[in-house]
Protein backbone atom coordinates (compact mmCIF):
# COMPACT_ATOMS: atom_id res chain seq x y z
CA MET A 1 0.00 0.00 0.00
CA LYS A 2 1.33 3.40 -0.99
CA LYS A 3 1.85 5.90 1.81
CA GLN A 4 -0.39 8.95 1.48
CA LEU A 5 1.22 12.37 1.66
CA ARG A 6 -0.47 14.57 4.23
CA PHE A 7 0.05 18.29 4.66
CA LYS A 8 -0.18 19.29 8.30
CA GLU A 9 -1.11 22.73 9.56
CA SER A 10 1.82 22.83 11.99
CA GLN A 11 4.55 22.18 9.39
CA ASP A 12 6.52 24.91 7.62
CA TYR A 13 6.35 24.88 3.82
CA SER A 14 8.36 28.05 3.21
CA GLU A 15 10.62 26.35 0.61
CA GLN A 16 7.55 25.93 -1.56
CA GLN A 17 6.45 29.55 -1.76
CA ASN A 18 6.64 29.39 -5.54
CA GLY A 19 4.98 25.97 -5.47
CA LEU A 20 7.92 24.04 -6.92
CA PRO A 21 10.57 22.65 -4.54
CA LYS A 22 14.15 23.17 -5.69
CA ALA A 23 14.70 19.44 -5.23
CA PHE A 24 12.56 18.79 -8.31
CA LEU A 25 15.18 20.62 -10.36
CA HIS A 26 18.41 19.49 -8.68
CA ASN A 27 17.87 16.11 -7.02
CA PRO A 28 18.55 13.10 -9.29
CA LYS A 29 15.77 11.25 -7.44
CA TYR A 30 13.22 13.31 -9.40
CA ARG A 31 14.98 13.16 -12.80
CA ASP A 32 12.31 10.96 -14.37
CA MET A 33 9.37 12.94 -12.99
CA SER A 34 7.30 14.35 -15.85
CA VAL A 35 6.72 18.06 -16.32
CA ASN A 36 2.97 17.47 -15.92
CA THR A 37 3.52 15.81 -12.54
CA ARG A 38 5.69 18.69 -11.36
CA TYR A 39 3.07 21.19 -12.57
CA LEU A 40 0.25 19.37 -10.78
CA TYR A 41 2.29 19.28 -7.57
CA MET A 42 2.89 23.03 -7.93
CA ILE A 43 -0.83 23.71 -8.30
CA PHE A 44 -1.67 21.63 -5.23
CA THR A 45 1.00 23.25 -3.04
CA LEU A 46 -0.14 26.73 -4.02
CA ARG A 47 -3.71 25.74 -3.18
CA MET A 48 -2.43 24.42 0.15
CA THR A 49 -1.37 27.97 1.06
CA GLU A 50 -4.95 29.08 0.45
CA SER A 51 -6.16 26.24 2.68
CA GLN A 52 -3.92 27.46 5.51
CA ASN A 53 -5.22 31.02 5.12
CA LYS A 54 -8.87 29.92 5.06
CA GLY A 55 -8.54 27.39 7.88
CA TRP A 56 -9.50 24.37 5.77
CA ILE A 57 -8.15 21.83 8.24
CA ASP A 58 -9.80 18.63 9.43
CA ASP A 59 -9.99 17.36 13.02
CA ASP A 60 -6.63 15.53 12.63
CA GLY A 61 -4.80 18.68 11.51
CA ASN A 62 -4.66 17.64 7.84
CA MET A 63 -5.16 20.46 5.36
CA TYR A 64 -7.43 19.93 2.41
CA ILE A 65 -8.02 21.87 -0.78
CA SER A 66 -11.05 22.80 -2.77
CA PHE A 67 -10.46 22.33 -6.47
CA ILE A 68 -13.13 22.69 -9.12
CA GLN A 69 -12.43 21.15 -12.50
CA MET A 70 -13.32 23.48 -15.32
CA LYS A 71 -14.68 22.14 -18.59
CA ILE A 72 -12.87 23.43 -21.62
């Protein structure tokens, strides 16, 4: 079973202010990660900042995002 990534209210995410961790660019571990995957991660981390500001946090301290898919 794959471990789920959880974003906690109490953690500091200052390295992700632009949404894209520097590790994605410099760490060989992420060399094979697609551009689309990096972009999606960036969108989610930027939305996470909004979740912190709006207090969208469950009873366990996990932040959640609201994301509406737009039809094109």
